Protein backbone atom coordinates (compact mmCIF):
# COMPACT_ATOMS: atom_id res chain seq x y z
CA MET A 1 -12.20 -20.96 59.87
CA HIS A 2 -8.89 -19.81 60.55
CA VAL A 3 -7.42 -21.33 57.19
CA LEU A 4 -10.62 -19.54 55.29
CA ILE A 5 -9.25 -15.92 56.66
CA ALA A 6 -5.67 -16.91 56.02
CA ALA A 7 -6.23 -17.67 52.48
CA ARG A 8 -8.36 -14.74 51.80
CA ASP A 9 -5.93 -12.57 53.18
CA ALA A 10 -2.97 -13.79 51.04
CA LYS A 11 -5.01 -14.15 48.18
CA VAL A 12 -4.87 -17.66 47.66
CA LYS A 13 -6.89 -18.60 44.14
CA ARG A 14 -9.08 -21.07 45.36
CA VAL A 15 -9.97 -23.72 48.84
CA VAL A 16 -11.04 -27.27 48.09
CA TYR A 17 -12.58 -28.84 51.33
CA ALA A 18 -13.33 -32.38 52.11
CA ALA A 19 -16.91 -32.57 53.19
CA SER A 20 -19.24 -35.42 54.08
CA SER A 21 -21.81 -37.32 52.78
CA SER A 22 -23.25 -37.41 56.31
CA ALA A 23 -25.05 -33.97 55.57
CA TYR A 24 -27.86 -36.33 53.67
CA GLY A 25 -28.12 -38.29 56.80
CA ASP A 26 -30.80 -40.87 57.13
CA THR A 27 -33.12 -39.51 54.26
CA PRO A 28 -34.58 -42.40 52.03
CA THR A 29 -34.26 -40.26 49.05
CA LEU A 30 -31.36 -42.60 46.86
CA PRO A 31 -29.33 -41.57 45.17
CA LYS A 32 -28.25 -38.59 47.46
CA HIS A 33 -28.13 -35.51 45.06
CA GLU A 34 -26.19 -32.18 46.29
CA GLY A 35 -30.15 -30.13 45.82
CA MET A 36 -31.41 -31.83 48.71
CA PRO A 37 -32.29 -30.51 51.80
CA PRO A 38 -29.35 -31.54 54.57
CA ASN A 39 -30.01 -33.69 57.54
CA PRO A 40 -26.92 -34.30 59.75
CA ILE A 41 -28.17 -36.97 62.12
CA SER A 42 -24.76 -36.93 63.89
CA PRO A 43 -22.41 -34.07 65.25
CA TYR A 44 -19.38 -35.14 63.14
CA ALA A 45 -22.52 -35.20 60.25
CA VAL A 46 -23.04 -30.95 61.76
CA ALA A 47 -19.55 -30.16 61.51
CA LYS A 48 -18.80 -31.08 58.19
CA LEU A 49 -21.82 -29.22 57.27
CA ALA A 50 -21.59 -26.05 58.99
CA SER A 51 -18.01 -26.15 57.14
CA GLU A 52 -19.37 -26.66 54.09
CA TYR A 53 -21.78 -23.23 55.28
CA TYR A 54 -18.36 -20.88 55.76
CA MET A 55 -16.76 -22.40 52.40
CA THR A 56 -19.94 -20.98 50.63
CA SER A 57 -19.92 -17.51 52.53
CA PHE A 58 -16.40 -17.29 51.73
CA TYR A 59 -16.62 -17.33 48.10
CA ARG A 60 -20.27 -15.11 48.10
CA CYS A 61 -19.07 -12.21 50.80
CA TYR A 62 -15.36 -11.98 49.76
CA GLY A 63 -15.08 -13.75 46.44
CA LEU A 64 -12.43 -16.44 47.77
CA GLU A 65 -13.30 -19.79 45.23
CA THR A 66 -14.38 -22.68 47.55
CA VAL A 67 -14.93 -25.94 46.33
CA CYS A 68 -16.82 -28.85 48.82
CA LEU A 69 -16.57 -32.15 47.83
CA ARG A 70 -18.74 -34.58 50.05
CA TYR A 71 -17.02 -38.07 50.69
CA PHE A 72 -18.66 -41.12 50.37
CA ASN A 73 -16.91 -43.61 52.13
CA ILE A 74 -13.36 -43.46 51.07
CA PHE A 75 -10.86 -46.55 51.55
CA GLY A 76 -7.66 -47.89 50.85
CA PRO A 77 -4.26 -48.10 51.16
CA ARG A 78 -2.86 -46.72 54.71
CA GLN A 79 -5.87 -46.18 56.59
CA ASP A 80 -5.13 -46.89 60.29
CA PRO A 81 -7.35 -50.03 61.42
CA SER A 82 -7.30 -48.89 64.92
CA SER A 83 -8.41 -45.83 64.81
CA PRO A 84 -11.81 -45.00 65.81
CA TYR A 85 -12.14 -42.51 62.50
CA SER A 86 -11.22 -45.23 60.52
CA GLY A 87 -13.71 -46.97 57.55
CA VAL A 88 -14.83 -50.27 58.30
CA LEU A 89 -13.55 -52.04 55.47
CA ALA A 90 -9.77 -51.33 56.84
CA LYS A 91 -10.38 -52.96 60.38
CA PHE A 92 -12.43 -56.15 58.41
CA ILE A 93 -9.39 -56.43 56.13
CA THR A 94 -6.75 -56.30 58.93
CA GLN A 95 -9.15 -58.57 61.25
CA MET A 96 -9.66 -61.55 58.22
CA LEU A 97 -6.23 -61.35 57.26
CA ASN A 98 -5.08 -62.12 60.78
CA GLY A 99 -7.69 -64.85 61.23
CA GLU A 100 -10.10 -62.81 63.67
CA GLN A 101 -14.26 -63.27 63.37
CA PRO A 102 -14.82 -59.25 62.19
CA THR A 103 -17.81 -58.03 63.64
CA ILE A 104 -20.45 -55.95 61.95
CA LEU A 105 -22.85 -53.36 63.78
CA GLY A 106 -26.82 -54.41 62.62
CA ASP A 107 -27.83 -56.57 60.12
CA GLY A 108 -25.38 -55.96 57.81
CA LYS A 109 -28.10 -54.83 55.10
CA GLN A 110 -27.03 -51.10 55.66
CA SER A 111 -25.16 -50.02 51.87
CA ARG A 112 -22.80 -47.93 51.15
CA ASP A 113 -21.24 -46.23 48.31
CA PHE A 114 -17.58 -47.76 48.85
CA THR A 115 -15.29 -45.20 47.14
CA TYR A 116 -11.53 -45.73 46.39
CA ILE A 117 -8.81 -43.19 47.31
CA ASP A 118 -7.70 -42.99 43.80
CA ASN A 119 -10.76 -41.62 42.67
CA VAL A 120 -11.17 -39.31 45.51
CA VAL A 121 -7.65 -38.04 44.57
CA SER A 122 -9.04 -37.65 40.94
CA ALA A 123 -11.47 -35.98 42.03
CA ASN A 124 -9.40 -33.26 44.11
CA LEU A 125 -7.27 -32.38 41.17
CA LEU A 126 -10.51 -31.64 39.23
CA ALA A 127 -11.63 -29.72 41.70
CA ALA A 128 -8.59 -27.59 42.25
CA LYS A 129 -8.59 -27.18 37.97
CA ALA A 130 -12.16 -26.29 37.44
CA PRO A 131 -13.07 -23.14 35.39
CA ALA A 132 -14.59 -21.16 38.50
CA ILE A 133 -17.84 -20.42 36.21
CA GLN A 134 -18.68 -24.07 36.95
CA ALA A 135 -17.07 -25.36 40.29
CA ALA A 136 -16.57 -21.96 42.58
CA GLY A 137 -19.07 -22.23 45.47
CA GLN A 138 -20.40 -25.51 44.82
CA VAL A 139 -20.60 -28.85 46.45
CA PHE A 140 -20.15 -31.96 44.40
CA ASN A 141 -20.26 -36.02 45.22
CA VAL A 142 -17.46 -37.58 44.88
CA ALA A 143 -18.37 -41.92 44.94
CA THR A 144 -18.78 -44.56 42.75
CA GLY A 145 -22.47 -44.31 42.02
CA THR A 146 -22.98 -47.89 43.16
CA ARG A 147 -23.62 -49.13 46.92
CA ILE A 148 -22.85 -52.79 47.99
CA ASP A 149 -24.29 -53.84 51.54
CA LEU A 150 -21.94 -55.54 54.41
CA ASN A 151 -23.35 -58.81 53.91
CA GLU A 152 -21.94 -58.70 50.62
CA THR A 153 -18.74 -56.47 51.52
CA PHE A 154 -18.05 -59.05 54.00
CA HIS A 155 -18.35 -61.92 51.01
CA THR A 156 -16.43 -60.39 48.76
CA LEU A 157 -13.41 -60.01 51.17
CA LYS A 158 -13.84 -63.30 52.71
CA LYS A 159 -13.17 -64.36 48.21
CA ILE A 160 -10.77 -62.25 47.83
CA ILE A 161 -8.40 -62.87 51.05
CA GLY A 162 -9.27 -66.62 51.63
CA PHE A 163 -10.94 -66.57 54.87
CA LYS A 164 -12.64 -69.06 56.50
CA GLY A 165 -14.51 -67.76 59.49
CA GLU A 166 -18.02 -65.91 59.69
CA VAL A 167 -19.19 -62.74 60.63
CA ASN A 168 -20.10 -61.68 63.65
CA TYR A 169 -23.08 -59.57 64.34
CA GLY A 170 -23.66 -56.89 67.16
CA PRO A 171 -26.05 -54.11 67.94
CA ASP A 172 -26.62 -51.37 65.85
CA ARG A 173 -24.49 -48.29 66.07
CA ALA A 174 -26.89 -44.95 67.14
CA GLY A 175 -26.58 -42.57 64.52
CA ASP A 176 -25.52 -44.64 61.38
CA VAL A 177 -27.19 -43.74 58.48
CA LYS A 178 -28.72 -46.93 56.81
CA HIS A 179 -28.26 -46.62 53.21
CA SER A 180 -25.62 -43.94 51.28
CA LEU A 181 -25.69 -43.94 47.20
CA ALA A 182 -24.31 -40.75 45.41
CA ASP A 183 -25.85 -38.88 42.24
CA LEU A 184 -22.68 -37.92 40.49
CA SER A 185 -24.63 -36.24 37.31
CA ARG A 186 -23.68 -32.33 38.92
CA THR A 187 -19.82 -33.88 39.42
CA GLU A 188 -19.52 -35.34 35.94
CA LYS A 189 -20.88 -32.25 34.27
CA HIS A 190 -18.94 -29.51 36.17
CA LEU A 191 -15.81 -31.19 37.08
CA GLY A 192 -15.44 -33.85 34.18
CA TYR A 193 -15.24 -36.53 37.26
CA LYS A 194 -15.19 -40.44 36.33
CA PRO A 195 -14.73 -43.39 38.76
CA LEU A 196 -11.21 -44.89 38.32
CA VAL A 197 -11.66 -47.67 40.30
CA ASN A 198 -14.49 -49.76 40.66
CA PHE A 199 -15.07 -51.45 44.15
CA GLU A 200 -13.58 -55.06 43.63
CA GLU A 201 -10.75 -53.64 41.98
CA GLY A 202 -10.39 -51.29 45.29
CA LEU A 203 -10.80 -53.84 47.54
CA ARG A 204 -7.88 -56.11 45.77
CA ARG A 205 -5.36 -53.16 45.74
CA THR A 206 -5.97 -52.25 49.72
CA VAL A 207 -5.95 -56.20 50.78
CA ASP A 208 -2.37 -56.51 48.82
CA TRP A 209 -1.55 -53.00 50.39
CA TYR A 210 -2.46 -54.19 54.35
CA ARG A 211 -1.35 -57.76 53.73
CA GLY A 212 2.16 -56.60 52.58
CA GLN A 213 2.49 -54.47 55.66
CA GLN A 214 1.78 -57.83 57.36
CA GLN A 215 4.09 -59.88 55.77
CA ALA A 216 6.55 -56.43 56.99
CA ALA A 217 5.58 -56.26 59.89
CA GLY A 218 6.41 -60.43 60.77
CA ALA A 219 10.05 -60.19 59.13
CA CYS A 220 12.28 -60.62 62.29
CA THR A 221 14.71 -58.57 63.08
CA ALA A 222 16.62 -60.71 65.44
CA GLY A 223 18.60 -62.96 63.20
CA VAL A 224 16.99 -65.30 61.17
CA GLY A 225 15.54 -68.69 62.92
CA CYS A 226 15.08 -66.87 66.15
CA GLY A 227 11.20 -67.86 65.99
CA ARG A 228 10.31 -64.90 66.87
CA VAL A 229 7.45 -62.82 65.33
CA CYS A 230 8.37 -59.16 65.18
CA GLY A 231 6.11 -55.69 65.05
CA PRO A 232 6.67 -53.39 63.11
CA ARG A 233 9.78 -50.89 64.09
CA PRO A 234 9.33 -47.21 65.72
CA PRO A 235 10.07 -44.58 63.90
CA LYS A 236 14.08 -43.35 64.28
CA ARG A 237 14.87 -40.37 66.90
CA VAL A 238 16.75 -37.94 65.15
CA SER A 239 18.61 -35.28 67.03
CA LEU A 240 18.98 -31.92 65.63
């Protein structure tokens, strides 16, 4: 609300909002399209959907151009695997690179439209520049239009990383959505969006980045031959 009020008062041309596919909830219809009635399950999903409504209302009431992009399971470099908000792929990749056994919550048959970050960047830029008649006040899916289940995901990562272990299974997570798949027809028609990077290529790029971070963190800072494996250095403090 603060952002929207400030944008309206400053006469900002357009606000692009990072919405979420969680607004669809666990409805069995696949693929999910923007014309479906929302059915959020979790408090997080409710909050994301409420913000969509605020965005649309500011366009209708005040003429502030707004565009809502419903992201589907974004992954890529720089995700923090230790964060409770981090995606499953960041956790799987870092665990498997460390030789640790990853855990799938549930039977692993739940599927996701995993979307590499470059696709999201492209969608954001398109949403910022699209003609108002095509984009303002609208909601769009951002994904790849394909889905893969977590068991398949694990085996793909196992091949890319060279992991020798197996996966562990835990209890289902409350409020989790069973299947997720985006219909991209509206996004393609109005924004000119096309996925740039497919799932497996995105996984390879992501694994390469985390592997590079792991190697950098393992570089010794106390001199050659000390035998110690060092973690990442804390940021330098700057006094003004």
